[in-house]
PDB file of all heavy atoms in Angstrom:
ATOM      1  N   LEU A   1      -2.174  17.662   9.848  1.00  0.00           N
ATOM      2  CA  LEU A   1      -1.435  17.994   8.619  1.00  0.00           C
ATOM      3  C   LEU A   1      -2.305  18.821   7.682  1.00  0.00           C
ATOM      4  O   LEU A   1      -1.827  19.765   7.049  1.00  0.00           O
ATOM      5  CB  LEU A   1      -0.953  16.718   7.925  1.00  0.00           C
ATOM      6  CG  LEU A   1       0.141  15.945   8.652  1.00  0.00           C
ATOM      7  CD1 LEU A   1       0.371  14.597   7.978  1.00  0.00           C
ATOM      8  CD2 LEU A   1       1.433  16.745   8.714  1.00  0.00           C
ATOM      9  N   MET A   2      -3.599  18.475   7.623  1.00  0.00           N
ATOM     10  CA  MET A   2      -4.511  19.223   6.759  1.00  0.00           C
ATOM     11  C   MET A   2      -4.719  20.638   7.294  1.00  0.00           C
ATOM     12  O   MET A   2      -4.853  21.587   6.517  1.00  0.00           O
ATOM     13  CB  MET A   2      -5.839  18.478   6.607  1.00  0.00           C
ATOM     14  CG  MET A   2      -6.733  19.055   5.539  1.00  0.00           C
ATOM     15  SD  MET A   2      -6.023  19.043   3.852  1.00  0.00           S
ATOM     16  CE  MET A   2      -6.121  17.300   3.467  1.00  0.00           C
ATOM     17  N   VAL A   3      -4.727  20.821   8.615  1.00  0.00           N
ATOM     18  CA  VAL A   3      -4.807  22.173   9.194  1.00  0.00           C
ATOM     19  C   VAL A   3      -3.640  23.009   8.671  1.00  0.00           C
ATOM     20  O   VAL A   3      -3.825  24.144   8.218  1.00  0.00           O
ATOM     21  CB  VAL A   3      -4.800  22.117  10.744  1.00  0.00           C
ATOM     22  CG1 VAL A   3      -4.502  23.495  11.338  1.00  0.00           C
ATOM     23  CG2 VAL A   3      -6.121  21.577  11.271  1.00  0.00           C
ATOM     24  N   LEU A   4      -2.432  22.447   8.718  1.00  0.00           N
ATOM     25  CA  LEU A   4      -1.250  23.172   8.231  1.00  0.00           C
ATOM     26  C   LEU A   4      -1.351  23.434   6.737  1.00  0.00           C
ATOM     27  O   LEU A   4      -1.002  24.520   6.263  1.00  0.00           O
ATOM     28  CB  LEU A   4       0.023  22.393   8.561  1.00  0.00           C
ATOM     29  CG  LEU A   4       0.276  22.130  10.047  1.00  0.00           C
ATOM     30  CD1 LEU A   4       1.572  21.346  10.234  1.00  0.00           C
ATOM     31  CD2 LEU A   4       0.286  23.413  10.850  1.00  0.00           C
ATOM     32  N   ALA A   5      -1.840  22.454   5.991  1.00  0.00           N
ATOM     33  CA  ALA A   5      -1.999  22.633   4.543  1.00  0.00           C
ATOM     34  C   ALA A   5      -2.995  23.743   4.234  1.00  0.00           C
ATOM     35  O   ALA A   5      -2.789  24.527   3.298  1.00  0.00           O
ATOM     36  CB  ALA A   5      -2.447  21.313   3.905  1.00  0.00           C
ATOM     37  N   GLN A   6      -4.059  23.834   5.024  1.00  0.00           N
ATOM     38  CA  GLN A   6      -5.056  24.894   4.803  1.00  0.00           C
ATOM     39  C   GLN A   6      -4.471  26.269   5.096  1.00  0.00           C
ATOM     40  O   GLN A   6      -4.769  27.240   4.384  1.00  0.00           O
ATOM     41  CB  GLN A   6      -6.308  24.648   5.654  1.00  0.00           C
ATOM     42  CG  GLN A   6      -7.116  23.442   5.246  1.00  0.00           C
ATOM     43  CD  GLN A   6      -7.809  23.580   3.900  1.00  0.00           C
ATOM     44  OE1 GLN A   6      -7.702  24.585   3.191  1.00  0.00           O
ATOM     45  NE2 GLN A   6      -8.520  22.540   3.513  1.00  0.00           N
ATOM     46  N   LEU A   7      -3.639  26.368   6.130  1.00  0.00           N
ATOM     47  CA  LEU A   7      -2.979  27.647   6.405  1.00  0.00           C
ATOM     48  C   LEU A   7      -2.141  28.081   5.212  1.00  0.00           C
ATOM     49  O   LEU A   7      -2.221  29.236   4.771  1.00  0.00           O
ATOM     50  CB  LEU A   7      -2.097  27.540   7.656  1.00  0.00           C
ATOM     51  CG  LEU A   7      -2.818  27.385   8.994  1.00  0.00           C
ATOM     52  CD1 LEU A   7      -1.807  27.073  10.095  1.00  0.00           C
ATOM     53  CD2 LEU A   7      -3.627  28.632   9.329  1.00  0.00           C
ATOM     54  N   LYS A   8      -1.344  27.162   4.693  1.00  0.00           N
ATOM     55  CA  LYS A   8      -0.503  27.491   3.531  1.00  0.00           C
ATOM     56  C   LYS A   8      -1.355  27.864   2.325  1.00  0.00           C
ATOM     57  O   LYS A   8      -1.047  28.807   1.609  1.00  0.00           O
ATOM     58  CB  LYS A   8       0.420  26.325   3.204  1.00  0.00           C
ATOM     59  CG  LYS A   8       1.575  26.189   4.177  1.00  0.00           C
ATOM     60  CD  LYS A   8       2.583  25.172   3.723  1.00  0.00           C
ATOM     61  CE  LYS A   8       3.269  25.691   2.476  1.00  0.00           C
ATOM     62  NZ  LYS A   8       4.411  24.880   2.077  1.00  0.00           N
ATOM     63  N   ALA A   9      -2.433  27.118   2.094  1.00  0.00           N
ATOM     64  CA  ALA A   9      -3.303  27.395   0.950  1.00  0.00           C
ATOM     65  C   ALA A   9      -3.957  28.764   1.075  1.00  0.00           C
ATOM     66  O   ALA A   9      -4.273  29.398   0.070  1.00  0.00           O
ATOM     67  CB  ALA A   9      -4.367  26.308   0.814  1.00  0.00           C
ATOM     68  N   ALA A  10      -4.125  29.235   2.314  1.00  0.00           N
ATOM     69  CA  ALA A  10      -4.698  30.569   2.552  1.00  0.00           C
ATOM     70  C   ALA A  10      -3.635  31.660   2.430  1.00  0.00           C
ATOM     71  O   ALA A  10      -3.920  32.832   2.681  1.00  0.00           O
ATOM     72  CB  ALA A  10      -5.349  30.617   3.932  1.00  0.00           C
ATOM     73  N   GLY A  11      -2.418  31.281   2.065  1.00  0.00           N
ATOM     74  CA  GLY A  11      -1.345  32.258   1.885  1.00  0.00           C
ATOM     75  C   GLY A  11      -0.633  32.639   3.159  1.00  0.00           C
ATOM     76  O   GLY A  11       0.045  33.667   3.209  1.00  0.00           O
ATOM     77  N   ILE A  12      -0.772  31.830   4.201  1.00  0.00           N
ATOM     78  CA  ILE A  12      -0.121  32.114   5.478  1.00  0.00           C
ATOM     79  C   ILE A  12       1.183  31.342   5.566  1.00  0.00           C
ATOM     80  O   ILE A  12       1.181  30.110   5.544  1.00  0.00           O
ATOM     81  CB  ILE A  12      -1.048  31.733   6.659  1.00  0.00           C
ATOM     82  CG1 ILE A  12      -2.335  32.563   6.586  1.00  0.00           C
ATOM     83  CG2 ILE A  12      -0.335  31.915   7.990  1.00  0.00           C
ATOM     84  CD1 ILE A  12      -3.440  32.076   7.503  1.00  0.00           C
ATOM     85  N   ASP A  13       2.281  32.065   5.624  1.00  0.00           N
ATOM     86  CA  ASP A  13       3.595  31.445   5.810  1.00  0.00           C
ATOM     87  C   ASP A  13       3.625  30.837   7.205  1.00  0.00           C
ATOM     88  O   ASP A  13       3.333  31.523   8.197  1.00  0.00           O
ATOM     89  CB  ASP A  13       4.678  32.518   5.653  1.00  0.00           C
ATOM     90  CG  ASP A  13       6.084  31.982   5.748  1.00  0.00           C
ATOM     91  OD1 ASP A  13       6.315  30.926   6.374  1.00  0.00           O
ATOM     92  OD2 ASP A  13       6.988  32.634   5.204  1.00  0.00           O
ATOM     93  N   LEU A  14       3.966  29.567   7.308  1.00  0.00           N
ATOM     94  CA  LEU A  14       3.955  28.891   8.609  1.00  0.00           C
ATOM     95  C   LEU A  14       4.951  29.497   9.589  1.00  0.00           C
ATOM     96  O   LEU A  14       4.809  29.317  10.807  1.00  0.00           O
ATOM     97  CB  LEU A  14       4.193  27.395   8.435  1.00  0.00           C
ATOM     98  CG  LEU A  14       3.103  26.646   7.655  1.00  0.00           C
ATOM     99  CD1 LEU A  14       3.448  25.170   7.526  1.00  0.00           C
ATOM    100  CD2 LEU A  14       1.735  26.842   8.279  1.00  0.00           C
ATOM    101  N   ASP A  15       5.930  30.250   9.107  1.00  0.00           N
ATOM    102  CA  ASP A  15       6.854  30.940  10.003  1.00  0.00           C
ATOM    103  C   ASP A  15       6.180  32.120  10.711  1.00  0.00           C
ATOM    104  O   ASP A  15       6.731  32.653  11.664  1.00  0.00           O
ATOM    105  CB  ASP A  15       8.095  31.421   9.248  1.00  0.00           C
ATOM    106  CG  ASP A  15       9.006  30.273   8.878  1.00  0.00           C
ATOM    107  OD1 ASP A  15       9.167  29.345   9.705  1.00  0.00           O
ATOM    108  OD2 ASP A  15       9.555  30.278   7.758  1.00  0.00           O
ATOM    109  N   ARG A  16       4.991  32.512  10.263  1.00  0.00           N
ATOM    110  CA  ARG A  16       4.231  33.585  10.919  1.00  0.00           C
ATOM    111  C   ARG A  16       3.434  33.082  12.117  1.00  0.00           C
ATOM    112  O   ARG A  16       2.864  33.884  12.862  1.00  0.00           O
ATOM    113  CB  ARG A  16       3.283  34.246   9.919  1.00  0.00           C
ATOM    114  CG  ARG A  16       4.002  35.089   8.877  1.00  0.00           C
ATOM    115  CD  ARG A  16       3.044  35.703   7.877  1.00  0.00           C
ATOM    116  NE  ARG A  16       1.926  36.402   8.493  1.00  0.00           N
ATOM    117  CZ  ARG A  16       0.725  36.534   7.935  1.00  0.00           C
ATOM    118  NH1 ARG A  16       0.476  36.012   6.743  1.00  0.00           N
ATOM    119  NH2 ARG A  16      -0.231  37.190   8.553  1.00  0.00           N
ATOM    120  N   VAL A  17       3.371  31.764  12.299  1.00  0.00           N
ATOM    121  CA  VAL A  17       2.630  31.217  13.440  1.00  0.00           C
ATOM    122  C   VAL A  17       3.360  31.602  14.723  1.00  0.00           C
ATOM    123  O   VAL A  17       4.548  31.332  14.879  1.00  0.00           O
ATOM    124  CB  VAL A  17       2.493  29.683  13.326  1.00  0.00           C
ATOM    125  CG1 VAL A  17       1.927  29.089  14.616  1.00  0.00           C
ATOM    126  CG2 VAL A  17       1.622  29.315  12.123  1.00  0.00           C
ATOM    127  N   THR A  18       2.638  32.261  15.620  1.00  0.00           N
ATOM    128  CA  THR A  18       3.233  32.638  16.907  1.00  0.00           C
ATOM    129  C   THR A  18       2.736  31.745  18.036  1.00  0.00           C
ATOM    130  O   THR A  18       3.360  31.684  19.088  1.00  0.00           O
ATOM    131  CB  THR A  18       2.938  34.109  17.262  1.00  0.00           C
ATOM    132  OG1 THR A  18       1.527  34.308  17.336  1.00  0.00           O
ATOM    133  CG2 THR A  18       3.560  35.047  16.227  1.00  0.00           C
ATOM    134  N   ARG A  19       1.626  31.041  17.809  1.00  0.00           N
ATOM    135  CA  ARG A  19       1.115  30.113  18.821  1.00  0.00           C
ATOM    136  C   ARG A  19      -0.018  29.289  18.223  1.00  0.00           C
ATOM    137  O   ARG A  19      -0.882  29.825  17.528  1.00  0.00           O
ATOM    138  CB  ARG A  19       0.572  30.890  20.031  1.00  0.00           C
ATOM    139  CG  ARG A  19       0.083  30.031  21.184  1.00  0.00           C
ATOM    140  CD  ARG A  19       1.276  29.467  21.918  1.00  0.00           C
ATOM    141  NE  ARG A  19       0.916  28.459  22.880  1.00  0.00           N
ATOM    142  CZ  ARG A  19       1.407  28.416  24.102  1.00  0.00           C
ATOM    143  NH1 ARG A  19       2.245  29.339  24.520  1.00  0.00           N
ATOM    144  NH2 ARG A  19       1.082  27.437  24.905  1.00  0.00           N
ATOM    145  N   VAL A  20       0.011  27.999  18.475  1.00  0.00           N
ATOM    146  CA  VAL A  20      -1.169  27.177  18.247  1.00  0.00           C
ATOM    147  C   VAL A  20      -1.993  27.363  19.515  1.00  0.00           C
ATOM    148  O   VAL A  20      -1.586  26.952  20.602  1.00  0.00           O
ATOM    149  CB  VAL A  20      -0.806  25.696  18.011  1.00  0.00           C
ATOM    150  CG1 VAL A  20      -2.064  24.857  17.844  1.00  0.00           C
ATOM    151  CG2 VAL A  20       0.119  25.552  16.803  1.00  0.00           C
ATOM    152  N   VAL A  21      -3.116  28.044  19.393  1.00  0.00           N
ATOM    153  CA  VAL A  21      -3.902  28.441  20.561  1.00  0.00           C
ATOM    154  C   VAL A  21      -4.797  27.297  21.034  1.00  0.00           C
ATOM    155  O   VAL A  21      -4.808  26.944  22.208  1.00  0.00           O
ATOM    156  CB  VAL A  21      -4.744  29.693  20.256  1.00  0.00           C
ATOM    157  CG1 VAL A  21      -5.619  30.074  21.441  1.00  0.00           C
ATOM    158  CG2 VAL A  21      -3.834  30.858  19.854  1.00  0.00           C
ATOM    159  N   LYS A  22      -5.554  26.710  20.111  1.00  0.00           N
ATOM    160  CA  LYS A  22      -6.498  25.668  20.511  1.00  0.00           C
ATOM    161  C   LYS A  22      -6.794  24.726  19.359  1.00  0.00           C
ATOM    162  O   LYS A  22      -6.915  25.163  18.217  1.00  0.00           O
ATOM    163  CB  LYS A  22      -7.806  26.292  20.995  1.00  0.00           C
ATOM    164  CG  LYS A  22      -8.787  25.260  21.529  1.00  0.00           C
ATOM    165  CD  LYS A  22     -10.015  25.899  22.138  1.00  0.00           C
ATOM    166  CE  LYS A  22     -10.903  24.787  22.716  1.00  0.00           C
ATOM    167  NZ  LYS A  22     -12.160  25.294  23.223  1.00  0.00           N
ATOM    168  N   LEU A  23      -6.906  23.449  19.690  1.00  0.00           N
ATOM    169  CA  LEU A  23      -7.399  22.447  18.755  1.00  0.00           C
ATOM    170  C   LEU A  23      -8.702  21.887  19.306  1.00  0.00           C
ATOM    171  O   LEU A  23      -8.854  21.717  20.520  1.00  0.00           O
ATOM    172  CB  LEU A  23      -6.417  21.282  18.594  1.00  0.00           C
ATOM    173  CG  LEU A  23      -5.046  21.576  17.992  1.00  0.00           C
ATOM    174  CD1 LEU A  23      -4.249  20.273  17.865  1.00  0.00           C
ATOM    175  CD2 LEU A  23      -5.150  22.270  16.658  1.00  0.00           C
ATOM    176  N   GLY A  24      -9.620  21.608  18.415  1.00  0.00           N
ATOM    177  CA  GLY A  24     -10.838  20.893  18.764  1.00  0.00           C
ATOM    178  C   GLY A  24     -10.805  19.571  18.024  1.00  0.00           C
ATOM    179  O   GLY A  24     -10.675  19.555  16.807  1.00  0.00           O
ATOM    180  N   ALA A  25     -10.874  18.469  18.758  1.00  0.00           N
ATOM    181  CA  ALA A  25     -10.840  17.143  18.131  1.00  0.00           C
ATOM    182  C   ALA A  25     -12.185  16.460  18.343  1.00  0.00           C
ATOM    183  O   ALA A  25     -12.672  16.359  19.472  1.00  0.00           O
ATOM    184  CB  ALA A  25      -9.720  16.304  18.736  1.00  0.00           C
ATOM    185  N   PHE A  26     -12.770  16.019  17.262  1.00  0.00           N
ATOM    186  CA  PHE A  26     -14.055  15.335  17.283  1.00  0.00           C
ATOM    187  C   PHE A  26     -13.801  13.898  16.836  1.00  0.00           C
ATOM    188  O   PHE A  26     -13.284  13.669  15.745  1.00  0.00           O
ATOM    189  CB  PHE A  26     -15.048  16.040  16.360  1.00  0.00           C
ATOM    190  CG  PHE A  26     -15.192  17.497  16.706  1.00  0.00           C
ATOM    191  CD1 PHE A  26     -14.377  18.449  16.114  1.00  0.00           C
ATOM    192  CD2 PHE A  26     -16.108  17.907  17.662  1.00  0.00           C
ATOM    193  CE1 PHE A  26     -14.471  19.796  16.451  1.00  0.00           C
ATOM    194  CE2 PHE A  26     -16.213  19.255  18.011  1.00  0.00           C
ATOM    195  CZ  PHE A  26     -15.398  20.194  17.403  1.00  0.00           C
ATOM    196  N   VAL A  27     -14.149  12.951  17.695  1.00  0.00           N
ATOM    197  CA  VAL A  27     -13.846  11.547  17.452  1.00  0.00           C
ATOM    198  C   VAL A  27     -15.144  10.777  17.229  1.00  0.00           C
ATOM    199  O   VAL A  27     -16.016  10.753  18.104  1.00  0.00           O
ATOM    200  CB  VAL A  27     -13.068  10.953  18.654  1.00  0.00           C
ATOM    201  CG1 VAL A  27     -12.749   9.482  18.418  1.00  0.00           C
ATOM    202  CG2 VAL A  27     -11.783  11.751  18.909  1.00  0.00           C
ATOM    203  N   ASN A  28     -15.272  10.183  16.058  1.00  0.00           N
ATOM    204  CA  ASN A  28     -16.412   9.347  15.724  1.00  0.00           C
ATOM    205  C   ASN A  28     -16.250   8.052  16.521  1.00  0.00           C
ATOM    206  O   ASN A  28     -15.334   7.278  16.269  1.00  0.00           O
ATOM    207  CB  ASN A  28     -16.402   9.080  14.217  1.00  0.00           C
ATOM    208  CG  ASN A  28     -17.595   8.274  13.745  1.00  0.00           C
ATOM    209  OD1 ASN A  28     -18.393   7.775  14.522  1.00  0.00           O
ATOM    210  ND2 ASN A  28     -17.692   8.141  12.431  1.00  0.00           N
ATOM    211  N   CYS A  29     -17.130   7.841  17.508  1.00  0.00           N
ATOM    212  CA  CYS A  29     -16.914   6.691  18.393  1.00  0.00           C
ATOM    213  C   CYS A  29     -18.219   6.125  18.937  1.00  0.00           C
ATOM    214  O   CYS A  29     -19.267   6.764  18.865  1.00  0.00           O
ATOM    215  CB  CYS A  29     -15.992   7.072  19.537  1.00  0.00           C
ATOM    216  SG  CYS A  29     -16.610   8.379  20.609  1.00  0.00           S
ATOM    217  N   THR A  30     -18.097   4.950  19.509  1.00  0.00           N
ATOM    218  CA  THR A  30     -19.224   4.307  20.173  1.00  0.00           C
ATOM    219  C   THR A  30     -19.509   5.039  21.484  1.00  0.00           C
ATOM    220  O   THR A  30     -18.623   5.713  22.020  1.00  0.00           O
ATOM    221  CB  THR A  30     -18.905   2.830  20.447  1.00  0.00           C
ATOM    222  OG1 THR A  30     -17.748   2.754  21.285  1.00  0.00           O
ATOM    223  CG2 THR A  30     -18.668   2.064  19.146  1.00  0.00           C
ATOM    224  N   PRO A  31     -20.717   4.898  22.028  1.00  0.00           N
ATOM    225  CA  PRO A  31     -21.072   5.624  23.254  1.00  0.00           C
ATOM    226  C   PRO A  31     -20.177   5.305  24.455  1.00  0.00           C
ATOM    227  O   PRO A  31     -19.951   6.180  25.288  1.00  0.00           O
ATOM    228  CB  PRO A  31     -22.516   5.190  23.524  1.00  0.00           C
ATOM    229  CG  PRO A  31     -23.043   4.778  22.204  1.00  0.00           C
ATOM    230  CD  PRO A  31     -21.871   4.195  21.455  1.00  0.00           C
ATOM    231  N   GLU A  32     -19.660   4.092  24.541  1.00  0.00           N
ATOM    232  CA  GLU A  32     -18.848   3.721  25.704  1.00  0.00           C
ATOM    233  C   GLU A  32     -17.362   4.048  25.537  1.00  0.00           C
ATOM    234  O   GLU A  32     -16.591   3.887  26.480  1.00  0.00           O
ATOM    235  CB  GLU A  32     -19.026   2.223  26.029  1.00  0.00           C
ATOM    236  CG  GLU A  32     -18.491   1.276  24.980  1.00  0.00           C
ATOM    237  CD  GLU A  32     -19.400   1.054  23.767  1.00  0.00           C
ATOM    238  OE1 GLU A  32     -20.555   1.522  23.750  1.00  0.00           O
ATOM    239  OE2 GLU A  32     -18.936   0.417  22.818  1.00  0.00           O
ATOM    240  N   TYR A  33     -16.970   4.545  24.388  1.00  0.00           N
ATOM    241  CA  TYR A  33     -15.555   4.836  24.128  1.00  0.00           C
ATOM    242  C   TYR A  33     -15.113   6.059  24.938  1.00  0.00           C
ATOM    243  O   TYR A  33     -15.805   7.077  24.959  1.00  0.00           O
ATOM    244  CB  TYR A  33     -15.332   5.081  22.633  1.00  0.00           C
ATOM    245  CG  TYR A  33     -13.887   5.117  22.244  1.00  0.00           C
ATOM    246  CD1 TYR A  33     -13.158   3.950  22.108  1.00  0.00           C
ATOM    247  CD2 TYR A  33     -13.241   6.323  22.022  1.00  0.00           C
ATOM    248  CE1 TYR A  33     -11.820   3.971  21.753  1.00  0.00           C
ATOM    249  CE2 TYR A  33     -11.899   6.362  21.674  1.00  0.00           C
ATOM    250  CZ  TYR A  33     -11.201   5.178  21.541  1.00  0.00           C
ATOM    251  OH  TYR A  33      -9.865   5.207  21.195  1.00  0.00           O
ATOM    252  N   THR A  34     -13.951   5.969  25.604  1.00  0.00           N
ATOM    253  CA  THR A  34     -13.501   7.074  26.460  1.00  0.00           C
ATOM    254  C   THR A  34     -12.062   7.517  26.203  1.00  0.00           C
ATOM    255  O   THR A  34     -11.516   8.306  26.987  1.00  0.00           O
ATOM    256  CB  THR A  34     -13.636   6.695  27.952  1.00  0.00           C
ATOM    257  OG1 THR A  34     -12.855   5.523  28.208  1.00  0.00           O
ATOM    258  CG2 THR A  34     -15.092   6.458  28.332  1.00  0.00           C
ATOM    259  N   ASP A  35     -11.459   7.054  25.136  1.00  0.00           N
ATOM    260  CA  ASP A  35     -10.065   7.422  24.858  1.00  0.00           C
ATOM    261  C   ASP A  35      -9.934   8.576  23.857  1.00  0.00           C
ATOM    262  O   ASP A  35      -8.911   8.709  23.178  1.00  0.00           O
ATOM    263  CB  ASP A  35      -9.279   6.208  24.364  1.00  0.00           C
ATOM    264  CG  ASP A  35      -8.835   5.297  25.493  1.00  0.00           C
ATOM    265  OD1 ASP A  35      -8.768   5.779  26.644  1.00  0.00           O
ATOM    266  OD2 ASP A  35      -8.556   4.115  25.224  1.00  0.00           O
ATOM    267  N   GLN A  36     -10.945   9.444  23.766  1.00  0.00           N
ATOM    268  CA  GLN A  36     -10.863  10.584  22.848  1.00  0.00           C
ATOM    269  C   GLN A  36      -9.601  11.413  23.064  1.00  0.00           C
ATOM    270  O   GLN A  36      -8.965  11.816  22.077  1.00  0.00           O
ATOM    271  CB  GLN A  36     -12.105  11.482  22.979  1.00  0.00           C
ATOM    272  CG  GLN A  36     -13.397  10.836  22.547  1.00  0.00           C
ATOM    273  CD  GLN A  36     -14.078  10.057  23.651  1.00  0.00           C
ATOM    274  OE1 GLN A  36     -13.542   9.847  24.731  1.00  0.00           O
ATOM    275  NE2 GLN A  36     -15.298   9.596  23.380  1.00  0.00           N
ATOM    276  N   PRO A  37      -9.177  11.683  24.321  1.00  0.00           N
ATOM    277  CA  PRO A  37      -7.944  12.457  24.504  1.00  0.00           C
ATOM    278  C   PRO A  37      -6.709  11.780  23.899  1.00  0.00           C
ATOM    279  O   PRO A  37      -5.848  12.453  23.336  1.00  0.00           O
ATOM    280  CB  PRO A  37      -7.816  12.578  26.025  1.00  0.00           C
ATOM    281  CG  PRO A  37      -9.227  12.471  26.517  1.00  0.00           C
ATOM    282  CD  PRO A  37      -9.872  11.455  25.608  1.00  0.00           C
ATOM    283  N   LYS A  38      -6.646  10.456  23.996  1.00  0.00           N
ATOM    284  CA  LYS A  38      -5.507   9.736  23.411  1.00  0.00           C
ATOM    285  C   LYS A  38      -5.535   9.831  21.890  1.00  0.00           C
ATOM    286  O   LYS A  38      -4.489   9.949  21.252  1.00  0.00           O
ATOM    287  CB  LYS A  38      -5.509   8.277  23.860  1.00  0.00           C
ATOM    288  CG  LYS A  38      -5.204   8.097  25.329  1.00  0.00           C
ATOM    289  CD  LYS A  38      -5.243   6.629  25.712  1.00  0.00           C
ATOM    290  CE  LYS A  38      -5.023   6.448  27.203  1.00  0.00           C
ATOM    291  NZ  LYS A  38      -5.171   5.027  27.592  1.00  0.00           N
ATOM    292  N   VAL A  39      -6.724   9.766  21.309  1.00  0.00           N
ATOM    293  CA  VAL A  39      -6.857   9.914  19.853  1.00  0.00           C
ATOM    294  C   VAL A  39      -6.382  11.307  19.443  1.00  0.00           C
ATOM    295  O   VAL A  39      -5.571  11.463  18.520  1.00  0.00           O
ATOM    296  CB  VAL A  39      -8.315   9.678  19.400  1.00  0.00           C
ATOM    297  CG1 VAL A  39      -8.493  10.022  17.918  1.00  0.00           C
ATOM    298  CG2 VAL A  39      -8.729   8.231  19.669  1.00  0.00           C
ATOM    299  N   ALA A  40      -6.868  12.328  20.148  1.00  0.00           N
ATOM    300  CA  ALA A  40      -6.530  13.715  19.819  1.00  0.00           C
ATOM    301  C   ALA A  40      -5.040  13.990  19.921  1.00  0.00           C
ATOM    302  O   ALA A  40      -4.525  14.899  19.250  1.00  0.00           O
ATOM    303  CB  ALA A  40      -7.308  14.669  20.720  1.00  0.00           C
ATOM    304  N   ASN A  41      -4.336  13.203  20.724  1.00  0.00           N
ATOM    305  CA  ASN A  41      -2.883  13.381  20.828  1.00  0.00           C
ATOM    306  C   ASN A  41      -2.186  13.270  19.480  1.00  0.00           C
ATOM    307  O   ASN A  41      -1.113  13.847  19.287  1.00  0.00           O
ATOM    308  CB  ASN A  41      -2.279  12.380  21.807  1.00  0.00           C
ATOM    309  CG  ASN A  41      -2.529  12.750  23.244  1.00  0.00           C
ATOM    310  OD1 ASN A  41      -2.930  13.865  23.561  1.00  0.00           O
ATOM    311  ND2 ASN A  41      -2.303  11.798  24.135  1.00  0.00           N
ATOM    312  N   GLY A  42      -2.783  12.566  18.534  1.00  0.00           N
ATOM    313  CA  GLY A  42      -2.190  12.482  17.202  1.00  0.00           C
ATOM    314  C   GLY A  42      -1.992  13.855  16.582  1.00  0.00           C
ATOM    315  O   GLY A  42      -0.945  14.153  15.998  1.00  0.00           O
TER     316      GLY A  42
END
């Protein structure tokens, strides 16, 4: 949601989006945690 808010704050009309190309998700986790992809699904 904050990504979208930043686009709008930069003056980009969300109707101009032609593709979400890539997301990078960084998950603060313990060393044995392996569900980062499930978290990023949010």
